[in-house]
Structures are given as C-alpha cells and as structure tokens.
Amino acid sequence: MRTMRIAGAAVALLLCLAAAPAAAMEGSKLKKGQPAPDFALKDVDGKTWKLSELKGKKIVMIDFWATWCNICKREMPVLQKVYQEYQPKGVEFFGVALDNADKVKQIKKILEEKGVTYPILIDQDQKVATEVYQLSGPIPYKVVIDAEGRVVYDHVGDYADYPPEIVDVFDQLLESLPAQKKK
C-alpha cells in the first residue's frame, strides 16, 4: 500500500512538473477572436506605424523580440523568407524590438546581418508588449491578426526551419478573404 502511495505521489509530481512549462509558455492574456489592440510605434528609421491603419487591408503578424534574445535572432532568416513569400499576397510583418531607442544602431546591424527587410518597430518602454499585448511569457512571441483586426493565432518560441507552421495560418486566412481583398 505504501509503495502504491509513493508511486501515485511520484506520478502526480511528474504531472505537475510536466504541466508547469505549458502554463509558463502562455505568451499573452489576449484571447483568440478578440479585436487586436491598436498601437503606434516608430520603426528603426523613425517612421510611425499604426496597426489600425492596416485593418480591413492586410493580415498582420507581430513578432516580439529583443537584441539580447539569441533564438529571436536565429529565426530571423526563416521569418524573412516567409515575409518575402507572403507580403505580396497581403500579409504585413512587424518585428517589435523590446529594446531602448539607443539600441537602434545594434538593431540595424542585426537586420543587415540577417537580411531582414520587414519593418522593425521599437517598443522602448515595452508598454506595447506588456500593457497593450499583455505579454506574459518568453520571447520570441508571435501574434497573427486577420484582415478584420482580430487575434487569430499566437506562438511562443522560434521557428527553426522553413516552412514554419505559420504559413498554414496565412494560407487559411488568405483563402478565406473575399475576392476583392485578395492581391
């Protein structure tokens, strides 16, 4: 009987430990299907981008990352390849750097090294990430917003290989667009 209780306790402990990472991987308190919170941020060249200006026009992917995040930087060539394929079809990407504005030179160097051409916005006080998008987990963290401005997908972690699962998300969203919105 004692052996069974010990074995049962060990199984319960293992289940708790296995469940803990899943809870910790929750990237945001946003819910799928809710309207995407609007924001305005400047890119590395000083141009202001406002999310709401794309509503009704484009599908948007937001990738929260930082210069100190090695896996964020490692996946950039994969995201760039997806961007090159899907931007002409009506998908816009925003890389949102969780860095201070004084890191712009370092960010530009990384973008050049990785061949990134999609807009990189600076969230220097991290309010868009933590308050607006309620980021609560690790980065990189990706959010996809449909053309109607609703949150439809999120992903914590990197995409190490091409093609990543996000291409299936884009394909489904593009397929569901009315004919006049398709490019």
Protein backbone atom coordinates (compact mmCIF):
# COMPACT_ATOMS: atom_id res chain seq x y z
CA MET A 1 0.00 0.00 0.00
CA ARG A 2 2.81 2.41 0.92
CA THR A 3 4.56 1.64 -2.39
CA MET A 4 1.38 2.49 -4.30
CA ARG A 5 1.03 5.84 -2.45
CA ILE A 6 4.65 6.71 -3.18
CA ALA A 7 4.22 5.72 -6.84
CA GLY A 8 0.98 7.74 -7.02
CA ALA A 9 2.68 10.76 -5.46
CA ALA A 10 5.58 10.44 -7.89
CA VAL A 11 3.18 10.32 -10.85
CA ALA A 12 1.28 13.36 -9.51
CA LEU A 13 4.56 15.25 -9.08
CA LEU A 14 5.64 14.37 -12.61
CA LEU A 15 2.28 15.54 -13.98
CA CYS A 16 2.60 18.84 -12.10
CA LEU A 17 6.12 19.34 -13.37
CA ALA A 18 5.05 18.49 -16.91
CA ALA A 19 2.11 20.91 -16.69
CA ALA A 20 4.20 23.78 -15.34
CA PRO A 21 6.05 24.52 -18.59
CA ALA A 22 2.78 24.56 -20.54
CA ALA A 23 1.38 27.21 -18.20
CA ALA A 24 4.65 29.15 -18.36
CA MET A 25 4.52 29.08 -22.18
CA GLU A 26 1.32 31.07 -22.28
CA GLY A 27 2.51 34.11 -24.17
CA SER A 28 -0.25 36.64 -23.60
CA LYS A 29 -3.52 37.21 -21.80
CA LEU A 30 -5.18 38.11 -25.10
CA LYS A 31 -7.83 35.71 -26.34
CA LYS A 32 -8.18 34.38 -29.86
CA GLY A 33 -11.03 36.09 -31.67
CA GLN A 34 -10.81 39.34 -29.73
CA PRO A 35 -10.05 42.61 -31.50
CA ALA A 36 -6.32 43.21 -31.70
CA PRO A 37 -5.32 46.14 -29.51
CA ASP A 38 -4.17 49.13 -31.54
CA PHE A 39 -0.75 50.71 -31.14
CA ALA A 40 1.55 53.16 -32.84
CA LEU A 41 5.32 52.68 -32.78
CA LYS A 42 8.25 54.11 -34.71
CA ASP A 43 10.47 51.90 -36.82
CA VAL A 44 14.27 51.99 -36.83
CA ASP A 45 14.17 54.84 -39.37
CA GLY A 46 11.72 56.97 -37.36
CA LYS A 47 8.58 56.23 -39.41
CA THR A 48 5.43 55.75 -37.29
CA TRP A 49 3.35 52.64 -37.95
CA LYS A 50 -0.19 52.31 -36.60
CA LEU A 51 -1.77 48.87 -36.53
CA SER A 52 -5.32 50.14 -37.09
CA GLU A 53 -4.30 51.60 -40.47
CA LEU A 54 -4.00 48.03 -41.79
CA LYS A 55 -7.41 46.84 -40.55
CA GLY A 56 -9.54 45.72 -43.47
CA LYS A 57 -6.49 45.77 -45.74
CA LYS A 58 -3.92 43.22 -44.58
CA ILE A 59 -3.26 40.23 -42.39
CA VAL A 60 -0.61 41.19 -39.82
CA MET A 61 1.99 39.19 -37.94
CA ILE A 62 3.69 40.80 -34.96
CA ASP A 63 6.91 39.22 -33.69
CA PHE A 64 8.09 40.43 -30.27
CA TRP A 65 11.86 40.00 -29.95
CA ALA A 66 14.97 41.66 -28.46
CA THR A 67 18.63 42.14 -29.35
CA TRP A 68 19.69 40.00 -26.38
CA CYS A 69 17.49 37.05 -27.48
CA ASN A 70 19.62 34.63 -29.48
CA ILE A 71 16.77 32.38 -30.63
CA CYS A 72 14.93 35.50 -31.80
CA LYS A 73 17.87 36.42 -33.99
CA ARG A 74 18.39 32.83 -35.14
CA GLU A 75 14.86 32.62 -36.58
CA MET A 76 15.01 35.93 -38.47
CA PRO A 77 16.10 34.39 -41.79
CA VAL A 78 13.11 31.98 -41.61
CA LEU A 79 10.71 34.87 -40.93
CA GLN A 80 12.31 36.89 -43.74
CA LYS A 81 11.72 34.05 -46.19
CA VAL A 82 8.06 33.84 -45.12
CA TYR A 83 7.75 37.63 -45.39
CA GLN A 84 9.14 37.64 -48.93
CA GLU A 85 6.63 34.98 -49.93
CA TYR A 86 3.54 36.38 -48.18
CA GLN A 87 3.95 40.16 -48.19
CA PRO A 88 2.97 40.39 -51.89
CA LYS A 89 -0.16 38.33 -51.06
CA GLY A 90 -1.41 40.80 -48.43
CA VAL A 91 0.44 39.88 -45.22
CA GLU A 92 2.42 42.52 -43.30
CA PHE A 93 5.03 41.71 -40.67
CA PHE A 94 6.16 43.84 -37.76
CA GLY A 95 9.14 42.87 -35.68
CA VAL A 96 8.70 44.65 -32.36
CA ALA A 97 12.05 45.08 -30.65
CA LEU A 98 11.85 45.22 -26.87
CA ASP A 99 14.89 47.46 -26.70
CA ASN A 100 15.63 51.08 -25.93
CA ALA A 101 15.94 53.57 -28.77
CA ASP A 102 19.68 53.77 -28.04
CA LYS A 103 19.96 50.22 -29.46
CA VAL A 104 18.87 51.27 -32.97
CA LYS A 105 22.43 51.00 -34.33
CA GLN A 106 22.74 47.47 -32.91
CA ILE A 107 19.28 46.53 -34.25
CA LYS A 108 20.17 47.80 -37.73
CA LYS A 109 23.39 45.76 -37.66
CA ILE A 110 21.42 42.61 -36.77
CA LEU A 111 18.89 43.31 -39.53
CA GLU A 112 21.68 43.70 -42.06
CA GLU A 113 23.42 40.51 -40.90
CA LYS A 114 20.17 38.52 -41.05
CA GLY A 115 18.89 40.08 -44.29
CA VAL A 116 15.68 41.36 -42.68
CA THR A 117 13.57 43.78 -44.73
CA TYR A 118 10.25 43.74 -42.85
CA PRO A 119 9.55 46.74 -40.58
CA ILE A 120 11.18 46.63 -37.16
CA LEU A 121 9.44 48.80 -34.59
CA ILE A 122 10.95 49.94 -31.30
CA ASP A 123 8.94 49.35 -28.10
CA GLN A 124 11.49 51.11 -25.94
CA ASP A 125 9.43 51.24 -22.74
CA GLN A 126 7.89 47.83 -23.55
CA LYS A 127 4.38 49.17 -22.96
CA VAL A 128 3.00 47.74 -26.20
CA ALA A 129 4.34 44.30 -25.27
CA THR A 130 3.47 44.26 -21.58
CA GLU A 131 0.44 46.53 -21.27
CA VAL A 132 -1.22 46.55 -24.70
CA TYR A 133 -0.49 42.94 -25.75
CA GLN A 134 -0.14 41.69 -22.17
CA LEU A 135 2.93 39.64 -22.99
CA SER A 136 3.43 37.35 -20.03
CA GLY A 137 5.87 34.76 -21.26
CA PRO A 138 9.12 34.31 -23.08
CA ILE A 139 10.10 35.70 -26.46
CA PRO A 140 10.08 35.38 -29.37
CA TYR A 141 6.31 35.67 -29.30
CA LYS A 142 4.22 35.96 -32.44
CA VAL A 143 0.63 37.15 -32.87
CA VAL A 144 -1.33 36.96 -36.13
CA ILE A 145 -4.20 39.35 -36.73
CA ASP A 146 -6.69 38.69 -39.51
CA ALA A 147 -7.71 41.34 -42.05
CA GLU A 148 -10.73 42.24 -39.88
CA GLY A 149 -8.42 43.08 -36.98
CA ARG A 150 -9.00 40.01 -34.77
CA VAL A 151 -6.30 37.99 -32.97
CA VAL A 152 -6.38 34.55 -34.60
CA TYR A 153 -3.07 32.86 -33.75
CA ASP A 154 -0.15 33.09 -31.39
CA HIS A 155 3.11 31.22 -30.97
CA VAL A 156 5.73 31.27 -28.24
CA GLY A 157 9.23 30.35 -29.35
CA ASP A 158 11.09 30.33 -32.61
CA TYR A 159 10.59 28.72 -35.97
CA ALA A 160 13.88 26.99 -36.59
CA ASP A 161 13.07 25.53 -40.01
CA TYR A 162 11.31 26.53 -43.21
CA PRO A 163 8.43 26.30 -43.80
CA PRO A 164 7.12 27.04 -40.32
CA GLU A 165 3.54 26.28 -39.29
CA ILE A 166 2.64 29.94 -39.67
CA VAL A 167 2.49 29.55 -43.45
CA ASP A 168 -0.54 27.27 -42.98
CA VAL A 169 -2.19 30.00 -40.90
CA PHE A 170 -1.52 32.60 -43.61
CA ASP A 171 -2.78 30.25 -46.35
CA GLN A 172 -6.05 29.64 -44.49
CA LEU A 173 -6.57 33.34 -43.80
CA LEU A 174 -5.79 34.34 -47.38
CA GLU A 175 -8.13 31.66 -48.70
CA SER A 176 -10.98 33.00 -46.58
CA LEU A 177 -10.58 36.60 -47.80
CA PRO A 178 -13.27 37.96 -50.11
CA ALA A 179 -12.09 38.11 -53.73
CA GLN A 180 -11.80 41.94 -53.76
CA LYS A 181 -9.30 41.86 -50.85
CA LYS A 182 -7.06 39.22 -52.40
CA LYS A 183 -3.98 40.52 -54.18
